């Protein structure tokens, strides 16, 4: 995990790949966090893909450090 705060917009929505990239973690780590309830996910209406809000990404980053 990166020790530099992610540069994401609080209201922005990010895919799983983008979220992993800004946090500096592997996809499997993010999946484990999802299963454990450590991060909240939303779903896009158009294609039902998982998206993460920027505010949630920052919250998880602060807790993980």
PDB file of N, CA and C in Angstrom:
ATOM      1  N   UNK A   1       0.843  -1.176   0.000  1.00  0.00           N
ATOM      2  CA  UNK A   1       0.000   0.000   0.000  1.00  0.00           C
ATOM      3  C   UNK A   1       0.884   1.233   0.000  1.00  0.00           C
ATOM      4  N   UNK A   2       0.467   2.210  -0.734  1.00  0.00           N
ATOM      5  CA  UNK A   2       1.221   3.453  -0.816  1.00  0.00           C
ATOM      6  C   UNK A   2       1.059   4.274   0.465  1.00  0.00           C
ATOM      7  N   UNK A   3       2.099   4.994   0.841  1.00  0.00           N
ATOM      8  CA  UNK A   3       2.011   5.826   2.039  1.00  0.00           C
ATOM      9  C   UNK A   3       1.711   7.283   1.696  1.00  0.00           C
ATOM     10  N   UNK A   4       1.380   7.544   0.433  1.00  0.00           N
ATOM     11  CA  UNK A   4       0.989   8.880  -0.021  1.00  0.00           C
ATOM     12  C   UNK A   4      -0.527   8.872  -0.221  1.00  0.00           C
ATOM     13  N   UNK A   5      -1.205   9.882   0.340  1.00  0.00           N
ATOM     14  CA  UNK A   5      -2.668   9.916   0.230  1.00  0.00           C
ATOM     15  C   UNK A   5      -3.103   9.908  -1.234  1.00  0.00           C
ATOM     16  N   UNK A   6      -4.063   9.031  -1.570  1.00  0.00           N
ATOM     17  CA  UNK A   6      -4.534   8.949  -2.957  1.00  0.00           C
ATOM     18  C   UNK A   6      -5.121  10.269  -3.438  1.00  0.00           C
ATOM     19  N   UNK A   7      -4.808  10.634  -4.668  1.00  0.00           N
ATOM     20  CA  UNK A   7      -5.347  11.864  -5.255  1.00  0.00           C
ATOM     21  C   UNK A   7      -6.605  11.502  -6.036  1.00  0.00           C
ATOM     22  N   UNK A   8      -7.709  11.453  -5.306  1.00  0.00           N
ATOM     23  CA  UNK A   8      -9.003  11.144  -5.907  1.00  0.00           C
ATOM     24  C   UNK A   8     -10.018  12.183  -5.453  1.00  0.00           C
ATOM     25  N   UNK A   9     -10.997  12.441  -6.290  1.00  0.00           N
ATOM     26  CA  UNK A   9     -12.070  13.369  -5.933  1.00  0.00           C
ATOM     27  C   UNK A   9     -13.034  12.652  -4.993  1.00  0.00           C
ATOM     28  N   UNK A  10     -13.442  13.320  -3.916  1.00  0.00           N
ATOM     29  CA  UNK A  10     -14.344  12.699  -2.945  1.00  0.00           C
ATOM     30  C   UNK A  10     -15.628  12.185  -3.592  1.00  0.00           C
ATOM     31  N   UNK A  11     -16.170  12.942  -4.517  1.00  0.00           N
ATOM     32  CA  UNK A  11     -17.423  12.555  -5.167  1.00  0.00           C
ATOM     33  C   UNK A  11     -17.194  11.684  -6.401  1.00  0.00           C
ATOM     34  N   UNK A  12     -15.935  11.460  -6.769  1.00  0.00           N
ATOM     35  CA  UNK A  12     -15.633  10.659  -7.952  1.00  0.00           C
ATOM     36  C   UNK A  12     -15.924   9.188  -7.729  1.00  0.00           C
ATOM     37  N   UNK A  13     -16.120   8.476  -8.821  1.00  0.00           N
ATOM     38  CA  UNK A  13     -16.342   7.032  -8.756  1.00  0.00           C
ATOM     39  C   UNK A  13     -15.245   6.342  -9.553  1.00  0.00           C
ATOM     40  N   UNK A  14     -14.697   5.288  -8.969  1.00  0.00           N
ATOM     41  CA  UNK A  14     -13.525   4.635  -9.543  1.00  0.00           C
ATOM     42  C   UNK A  14     -13.753   3.133  -9.653  1.00  0.00           C
ATOM     43  N   UNK A  15     -13.249   2.554 -10.735  1.00  0.00           N
ATOM     44  CA  UNK A  15     -13.374   1.113 -10.946  1.00  0.00           C
ATOM     45  C   UNK A  15     -12.450   0.372  -9.986  1.00  0.00           C
ATOM     46  N   UNK A  16     -12.592  -0.927  -9.975  1.00  0.00           N
ATOM     47  CA  UNK A  16     -11.746  -1.753  -9.124  1.00  0.00           C
ATOM     48  C   UNK A  16     -10.273  -1.590  -9.509  1.00  0.00           C
ATOM     49  N   UNK A  17      -9.991  -1.568 -10.799  1.00  0.00           N
ATOM     50  CA  UNK A  17      -8.615  -1.410 -11.274  1.00  0.00           C
ATOM     51  C   UNK A  17      -8.036  -0.067 -10.855  1.00  0.00           C
ATOM     52  N   UNK A  18      -8.811   1.001 -11.034  1.00  0.00           N
ATOM     53  CA  UNK A  18      -8.350   2.340 -10.652  1.00  0.00           C
ATOM     54  C   UNK A  18      -8.132   2.440  -9.144  1.00  0.00           C
ATOM     55  N   UNK A  19      -9.027   1.838  -8.380  1.00  0.00           N
ATOM     56  CA  UNK A  19      -8.913   1.865  -6.918  1.00  0.00           C
ATOM     57  C   UNK A  19      -7.644   1.152  -6.464  1.00  0.00           C
ATOM     58  N   UNK A  20      -7.387  -0.018  -7.031  1.00  0.00           N
ATOM     59  CA  UNK A  20      -6.168  -0.761  -6.691  1.00  0.00           C
ATOM     60  C   UNK A  20      -4.922   0.039  -7.043  1.00  0.00           C
ATOM     61  N   UNK A  21      -4.952   0.703  -8.169  1.00  0.00           N
ATOM     62  CA  UNK A  21      -3.788   1.471  -8.622  1.00  0.00           C
ATOM     63  C   UNK A  21      -3.483   2.628  -7.674  1.00  0.00           C
ATOM     64  N   UNK A  22      -4.503   3.407  -7.282  1.00  0.00           N
ATOM     65  CA  UNK A  22      -4.242   4.561  -6.415  1.00  0.00           C
ATOM     66  C   UNK A  22      -3.872   4.140  -4.995  1.00  0.00           C
ATOM     67  N   UNK A  23      -4.363   2.972  -4.548  1.00  0.00           N
ATOM     68  CA  UNK A  23      -4.013   2.486  -3.212  1.00  0.00           C
ATOM     69  C   UNK A  23      -2.706   1.692  -3.214  1.00  0.00           C
ATOM     70  N   UNK A  24      -2.295   1.224  -4.384  1.00  0.00           N
ATOM     71  CA  UNK A  24      -1.069   0.438  -4.475  1.00  0.00           C
ATOM     72  C   UNK A  24      -1.237  -0.963  -3.915  1.00  0.00           C
ATOM     73  N   UNK A  25      -2.398  -1.567  -4.183  1.00  0.00           N
ATOM     74  CA  UNK A  25      -2.688  -2.912  -3.681  1.00  0.00           C
ATOM     75  C   UNK A  25      -3.082  -3.823  -4.841  1.00  0.00           C
ATOM     76  N   UNK A  26      -3.109  -5.121  -4.579  1.00  0.00           N
ATOM     77  CA  UNK A  26      -3.507  -6.114  -5.569  1.00  0.00           C
ATOM     78  C   UNK A  26      -5.025  -6.259  -5.554  1.00  0.00           C
ATOM     79  N   UNK A  27      -5.586  -6.697  -6.670  1.00  0.00           N
ATOM     80  CA  UNK A  27      -7.047  -6.898  -6.767  1.00  0.00           C
ATOM     81  C   UNK A  27      -7.559  -7.851  -5.690  1.00  0.00           C
ATOM     82  N   UNK A  28      -6.790  -8.890  -5.397  1.00  0.00           N
ATOM     83  CA  UNK A  28      -7.223  -9.861  -4.390  1.00  0.00           C
ATOM     84  C   UNK A  28      -7.322  -9.228  -3.006  1.00  0.00           C
ATOM     85  N   UNK A  29      -6.439  -8.289  -2.716  1.00  0.00           N
ATOM     86  CA  UNK A  29      -6.500  -7.571  -1.439  1.00  0.00           C
ATOM     87  C   UNK A  29      -7.794  -6.779  -1.360  1.00  0.00           C
ATOM     88  N   UNK A  30      -8.138  -6.090  -2.424  1.00  0.00           N
ATOM     89  CA  UNK A  30      -9.383  -5.312  -2.449  1.00  0.00           C
ATOM     90  C   UNK A  30     -10.592  -6.230  -2.307  1.00  0.00           C
ATOM     91  N   UNK A  31     -10.553  -7.379  -2.938  1.00  0.00           N
ATOM     92  CA  UNK A  31     -11.655  -8.349  -2.809  1.00  0.00           C
ATOM     93  C   UNK A  31     -11.794  -8.835  -1.368  1.00  0.00           C
ATOM     94  N   UNK A  32     -10.676  -9.096  -0.709  1.00  0.00           N
ATOM     95  CA  UNK A  32     -10.724  -9.522   0.701  1.00  0.00           C
ATOM     96  C   UNK A  32     -11.322  -8.428   1.571  1.00  0.00           C
ATOM     97  N   UNK A  33     -10.923  -7.183   1.315  1.00  0.00           N
ATOM     98  CA  UNK A  33     -11.466  -6.052   2.081  1.00  0.00           C
ATOM     99  C   UNK A  33     -12.968  -5.934   1.861  1.00  0.00           C
ATOM    100  N   UNK A  34     -13.427  -6.186   0.632  1.00  0.00           N
ATOM    101  CA  UNK A  34     -14.863  -6.153   0.340  1.00  0.00           C
ATOM    102  C   UNK A  34     -15.603  -7.228   1.129  1.00  0.00           C
ATOM    103  N   UNK A  35     -15.068  -8.440   1.114  1.00  0.00           N
ATOM    104  CA  UNK A  35     -15.700  -9.547   1.828  1.00  0.00           C
ATOM    105  C   UNK A  35     -15.724  -9.311   3.329  1.00  0.00           C
ATOM    106  N   UNK A  36     -14.687  -8.648   3.847  1.00  0.00           N
ATOM    107  CA  UNK A  36     -14.600  -8.369   5.282  1.00  0.00           C
ATOM    108  C   UNK A  36     -15.413  -7.137   5.678  1.00  0.00           C
ATOM    109  N   UNK A  37     -15.933  -6.408   4.700  1.00  0.00           N
ATOM    110  CA  UNK A  37     -16.719  -5.215   4.986  1.00  0.00           C
ATOM    111  C   UNK A  37     -15.885  -3.992   5.322  1.00  0.00           C
ATOM    112  N   UNK A  38     -14.618  -4.001   4.937  1.00  0.00           N
ATOM    113  CA  UNK A  38     -13.728  -2.873   5.238  1.00  0.00           C
ATOM    114  C   UNK A  38     -13.906  -1.712   4.274  1.00  0.00           C
ATOM    115  N   UNK A  39     -14.484  -1.975   3.109  1.00  0.00           N
ATOM    116  CA  UNK A  39     -14.712  -0.925   2.116  1.00  0.00           C
ATOM    117  C   UNK A  39     -16.096  -1.136   1.505  1.00  0.00           C
ATOM    118  N   UNK A  40     -16.779  -0.039   1.258  1.00  0.00           N
ATOM    119  CA  UNK A  40     -18.121  -0.109   0.678  1.00  0.00           C
ATOM    120  C   UNK A  40     -18.033   0.066  -0.830  1.00  0.00           C
ATOM    121  N   UNK A  41     -18.903  -0.642  -1.514  1.00  0.00           N
ATOM    122  CA  UNK A  41     -18.926  -0.602  -2.975  1.00  0.00           C
ATOM    123  C   UNK A  41     -20.320  -0.208  -3.441  1.00  0.00           C
ATOM    124  N   UNK A  42     -20.365   0.432  -4.587  1.00  0.00           N
ATOM    125  CA  UNK A  42     -21.637   0.744  -5.242  1.00  0.00           C
ATOM    126  C   UNK A  42     -21.596   0.098  -6.615  1.00  0.00           C
ATOM    127  N   UNK A  43     -22.738   0.036  -7.254  1.00  0.00           N
ATOM    128  CA  UNK A  43     -22.813  -0.585  -8.570  1.00  0.00           C
ATOM    129  C   UNK A  43     -23.351   0.410  -9.588  1.00  0.00           C
ATOM    130  N   UNK A  44     -22.718   0.440 -10.764  1.00  0.00           N
ATOM    131  CA  UNK A  44     -23.193   1.292 -11.855  1.00  0.00           C
ATOM    132  C   UNK A  44     -24.502   0.722 -12.380  1.00  0.00           C
ATOM    133  N   UNK A  45     -25.448   1.573 -12.638  1.00  0.00           N
ATOM    134  CA  UNK A  45     -26.749   1.114 -13.139  1.00  0.00           C
ATOM    135  C   UNK A  45     -26.653   0.559 -14.557  1.00  0.00           C
ATOM    136  N   UNK A  46     -25.806   1.142 -15.356  1.00  0.00           N
ATOM    137  CA  UNK A  46     -25.734   0.758 -16.771  1.00  0.00           C
ATOM    138  C   UNK A  46     -25.230  -0.675 -16.951  1.00  0.00           C
ATOM    139  N   UNK A  47     -24.101  -0.991 -16.327  1.00  0.00           N
ATOM    140  CA  UNK A  47     -23.492  -2.303 -16.549  1.00  0.00           C
ATOM    141  C   UNK A  47     -23.294  -3.114 -15.272  1.00  0.00           C
ATOM    142  N   UNK A  48     -23.807  -2.618 -14.154  1.00  0.00           N
ATOM    143  CA  UNK A  48     -23.753  -3.320 -12.866  1.00  0.00           C
ATOM    144  C   UNK A  48     -22.326  -3.611 -12.395  1.00  0.00           C
ATOM    145  N   UNK A  49     -21.372  -2.783 -12.809  1.00  0.00           N
ATOM    146  CA  UNK A  49     -19.987  -2.949 -12.364  1.00  0.00           C
ATOM    147  C   UNK A  49     -19.775  -2.285 -11.017  1.00  0.00           C
ATOM    148  N   UNK A  50     -18.817  -2.802 -10.271  1.00  0.00           N
ATOM    149  CA  UNK A  50     -18.471  -2.227  -8.974  1.00  0.00           C
ATOM    150  C   UNK A  50     -17.728  -0.913  -9.166  1.00  0.00           C
ATOM    151  N   UNK A  51     -18.117   0.082  -8.380  1.00  0.00           N
ATOM    152  CA  UNK A  51     -17.399   1.351  -8.363  1.00  0.00           C
ATOM    153  C   UNK A  51     -17.211   1.780  -6.916  1.00  0.00           C
ATOM    154  N   UNK A  52     -16.111   2.463  -6.667  1.00  0.00           N
ATOM    155  CA  UNK A  52     -15.767   2.921  -5.327  1.00  0.00           C
ATOM    156  C   UNK A  52     -15.725   4.437  -5.322  1.00  0.00           C
ATOM    157  N   UNK A  53     -16.339   5.046  -4.321  1.00  0.00           N
ATOM    158  CA  UNK A  53     -16.327   6.506  -4.224  1.00  0.00           C
ATOM    159  C   UNK A  53     -14.983   6.966  -3.678  1.00  0.00           C
ATOM    160  N   UNK A  54     -14.546   8.124  -4.138  1.00  0.00           N
ATOM    161  CA  UNK A  54     -13.267   8.674  -3.706  1.00  0.00           C
ATOM    162  C   UNK A  54     -13.186   8.851  -2.202  1.00  0.00           C
ATOM    163  N   UNK A  55     -14.275   9.280  -1.576  1.00  0.00           N
ATOM    164  CA  UNK A  55     -14.279   9.464  -0.122  1.00  0.00           C
ATOM    165  C   UNK A  55     -14.064   8.137   0.600  1.00  0.00           C
ATOM    166  N   UNK A  56     -14.609   7.055   0.065  1.00  0.00           N
ATOM    167  CA  UNK A  56     -14.442   5.726   0.659  1.00  0.00           C
ATOM    168  C   UNK A  56     -12.999   5.239   0.483  1.00  0.00           C
ATOM    169  N   UNK A  57     -12.401   5.532  -0.662  1.00  0.00           N
ATOM    170  CA  UNK A  57     -11.010   5.152  -0.914  1.00  0.00           C
ATOM    171  C   UNK A  57     -10.093   5.843   0.095  1.00  0.00           C
ATOM    172  N   UNK A  58     -10.308   7.137   0.298  1.00  0.00           N
ATOM    173  CA  UNK A  58      -9.486   7.883   1.261  1.00  0.00           C
ATOM    174  C   UNK A  58      -9.686   7.370   2.680  1.00  0.00           C
ATOM    175  N   UNK A  59     -10.927   7.029   3.024  1.00  0.00           N
ATOM    176  CA  UNK A  59     -11.221   6.517   4.365  1.00  0.00           C
ATOM    177  C   UNK A  59     -10.468   5.210   4.622  1.00  0.00           C
ATOM    178  N   UNK A  60     -10.514   4.310   3.661  1.00  0.00           N
ATOM    179  CA  UNK A  60      -9.826   3.020   3.797  1.00  0.00           C
ATOM    180  C   UNK A  60      -8.324   3.226   3.877  1.00  0.00           C
ATOM    181  N   UNK A  61      -7.797   4.150   3.091  1.00  0.00           N
ATOM    182  CA  UNK A  61      -6.359   4.434   3.113  1.00  0.00           C
ATOM    183  C   UNK A  61      -5.934   4.908   4.504  1.00  0.00           C
ATOM    184  N   UNK A  62      -6.716   5.812   5.106  1.00  0.00           N
ATOM    185  CA  UNK A  62      -6.377   6.325   6.447  1.00  0.00           C
ATOM    186  C   UNK A  62      -6.401   5.215   7.493  1.00  0.00           C
ATOM    187  N   UNK A  63      -7.388   4.337   7.416  1.00  0.00           N
ATOM    188  CA  UNK A  63      -7.520   3.247   8.388  1.00  0.00           C
ATOM    189  C   UNK A  63      -6.386   2.234   8.228  1.00  0.00           C
ATOM    190  N   UNK A  64      -6.027   1.921   6.985  1.00  0.00           N
ATOM    191  CA  UNK A  64      -5.018   0.892   6.712  1.00  0.00           C
ATOM    192  C   UNK A  64      -3.618   1.302   7.156  1.00  0.00           C
ATOM    193  N   UNK A  65      -3.366   2.595   7.219  1.00  0.00           N
ATOM    194  CA  UNK A  65      -2.043   3.037   7.659  1.00  0.00           C
ATOM    195  C   UNK A  65      -1.995   2.944   9.141  1.00  0.00           C
TER     196      UNK A  65
END
